[in-house]
Amino acid sequence: QVQLVESGGGLVQAGGSLRLSCAASGRTFSSYVMGWFRQVPEKEREFVASISWNGGTAYYADSVKGRFTISRDNAKNTVYLEMNSLKPEDTAVYFCAARSTRATTFDYWGQGTQVTVSS
């Protein structure tokens, strides 16, 4: 089992920045692919970014490419999402997720952290 706890959400003006953190506990963090997703009410959860077990490969949704950066520190069992040039449409609950390198879906989820971007 992997337990995930997000932090760093809040209220920010458009054009501002936030850094989300996700602390993991449980099985070996470095063996997991980590991801960030977001969800707004009445819409499906959407993929934001993911990062390989060693941080060597990252993927981003087109809507955040060039503005968001995912990173991880395996020594601290933590994954980050640096969000710059925030837009009101980035407002959502952001979730951290983990999957094993052999899995095709994310199996472990955090409770989410609210990000609100005001115009």
Protein backbone atom coordinates (compact mmCIF):
# COMPACT_ATOMS: atom_id res chain seq x y z
CA GLN A 1 0.00 0.00 0.00
CA VAL A 2 1.03 3.58 -0.65
CA GLN A 3 -0.42 6.50 1.26
CA LEU A 4 -0.38 9.88 -0.46
CA VAL A 5 -0.95 13.29 1.13
CA GLU A 6 -1.11 16.45 -0.95
CA SER A 7 -0.42 19.96 0.26
CA GLY A 8 0.25 23.42 -1.12
CA GLY A 9 -3.11 24.28 -2.63
CA GLY A 10 -4.76 27.64 -2.11
CA LEU A 11 -6.08 30.82 -3.66
CA VAL A 12 -3.93 32.70 -6.16
CA GLN A 13 -4.49 35.43 -8.70
CA ALA A 14 -4.28 34.74 -12.41
CA GLY A 15 -0.68 34.82 -13.55
CA GLY A 16 0.56 33.68 -10.18
CA SER A 17 2.29 30.51 -9.08
CA LEU A 18 1.77 27.64 -6.67
CA ARG A 19 3.78 24.59 -5.76
CA LEU A 20 1.95 21.43 -4.82
CA SER A 21 3.64 18.66 -2.85
CA CYS A 22 2.67 15.05 -2.40
CA ALA A 23 4.27 13.08 0.41
CA ALA A 24 4.23 9.31 0.06
CA SER A 25 4.57 6.61 2.67
CA GLY A 26 4.39 2.88 2.53
CA ARG A 27 6.16 0.77 -0.05
CA THR A 28 9.23 1.94 -1.88
CA PHE A 29 8.38 5.31 -3.39
CA SER A 30 11.09 5.16 -6.01
CA SER A 31 9.50 2.14 -7.67
CA TYR A 32 6.34 4.05 -8.57
CA VAL A 33 5.34 6.24 -11.46
CA MET A 34 3.78 9.35 -9.98
CA GLY A 35 1.10 11.56 -11.46
CA TRP A 36 -1.02 14.62 -10.89
CA PHE A 37 -4.66 14.82 -11.92
CA ARG A 38 -7.34 17.44 -11.41
CA GLN A 39 -11.10 17.54 -11.24
CA VAL A 40 -13.80 20.18 -11.26
CA PRO A 41 -17.38 19.55 -10.16
CA GLU A 42 -19.50 17.53 -12.60
CA LYS A 43 -16.51 16.76 -14.82
CA GLU A 44 -14.29 13.73 -15.09
CA ARG A 45 -10.91 13.71 -13.47
CA GLU A 46 -8.27 14.72 -16.01
CA PHE A 47 -4.60 13.95 -16.36
CA VAL A 48 -2.20 16.81 -15.67
CA ALA A 49 1.31 15.34 -15.55
CA SER A 50 3.27 12.21 -14.73
CA ILE A 51 6.88 11.36 -14.00
CA SER A 52 8.84 8.12 -14.26
CA TRP A 53 10.29 6.32 -11.25
CA ASN A 54 13.70 7.97 -11.65
CA GLY A 55 12.47 11.36 -12.83
CA GLY A 56 13.94 10.86 -16.26
CA THR A 57 10.70 11.10 -18.22
CA ALA A 58 7.74 13.39 -17.74
CA TYR A 59 4.49 13.83 -19.61
CA TYR A 60 2.11 16.76 -19.57
CA ALA A 61 -1.40 17.55 -20.69
CA ASP A 62 -1.38 20.02 -23.57
CA SER A 63 -3.31 22.50 -21.44
CA VAL A 64 -0.45 22.83 -18.92
CA LYS A 65 2.61 22.21 -21.10
CA GLY A 66 5.14 25.01 -20.69
CA ARG A 67 3.50 26.28 -17.50
CA PHE A 68 3.61 23.32 -15.10
CA THR A 69 6.61 21.22 -14.09
CA ILE A 70 6.47 17.88 -12.31
CA SER A 71 9.47 16.69 -10.32
CA ARG A 72 10.28 14.21 -7.59
CA ASP A 73 12.73 13.73 -4.77
CA ASN A 74 13.01 10.02 -4.04
CA ALA A 75 15.12 10.69 -0.96
CA LYS A 76 12.19 12.62 0.52
CA ASN A 77 9.44 10.39 -0.91
CA THR A 78 7.86 13.47 -2.41
CA VAL A 79 6.57 14.54 -5.81
CA TYR A 80 5.98 18.17 -6.72
CA LEU A 81 3.94 20.12 -9.21
CA GLU A 82 5.24 23.61 -9.89
CA MET A 83 2.45 25.66 -11.46
CA ASN A 84 3.25 28.99 -13.12
CA SER A 85 1.22 31.46 -15.16
CA LEU A 86 -1.92 30.13 -13.57
CA LYS A 87 -5.26 30.71 -15.28
CA PRO A 88 -8.79 30.66 -13.87
CA GLU A 89 -9.42 27.46 -15.83
CA ASP A 90 -6.72 25.76 -13.74
CA THR A 91 -9.09 25.96 -10.78
CA ALA A 92 -9.76 22.42 -9.59
CA VAL A 93 -9.06 19.86 -6.90
CA TYR A 94 -5.63 18.43 -7.63
CA PHE A 95 -4.90 14.81 -6.83
CA CYS A 96 -1.63 12.98 -6.51
CA ALA A 97 -1.55 9.39 -7.75
CA ALA A 98 0.86 6.46 -7.93
CA ARG A 99 1.15 3.30 -9.98
CA SER A 100 3.73 0.58 -10.27
CA THR A 101 5.87 0.62 -13.38
CA ARG A 102 4.10 -2.52 -14.65
CA ALA A 103 0.57 -1.21 -14.08
CA THR A 104 -1.46 0.62 -16.71
CA THR A 105 -3.67 2.52 -14.30
CA PHE A 106 -3.00 4.57 -11.20
CA ASP A 107 -3.89 2.52 -8.15
CA TYR A 108 -3.24 4.88 -5.27
CA TRP A 109 -4.71 8.31 -4.77
CA GLY A 110 -4.41 11.16 -2.31
CA GLN A 111 -7.35 13.06 -0.86
CA GLY A 112 -6.81 16.10 -3.09
CA THR A 113 -5.97 19.75 -2.54
CA GLN A 114 -8.00 22.70 -3.80
CA VAL A 115 -6.43 25.20 -6.17
CA THR A 116 -8.43 28.32 -6.94
CA VAL A 117 -7.24 30.90 -9.46
CA SER A 118 -9.06 34.22 -9.41
CA SER A 119 -9.32 36.44 -12.46
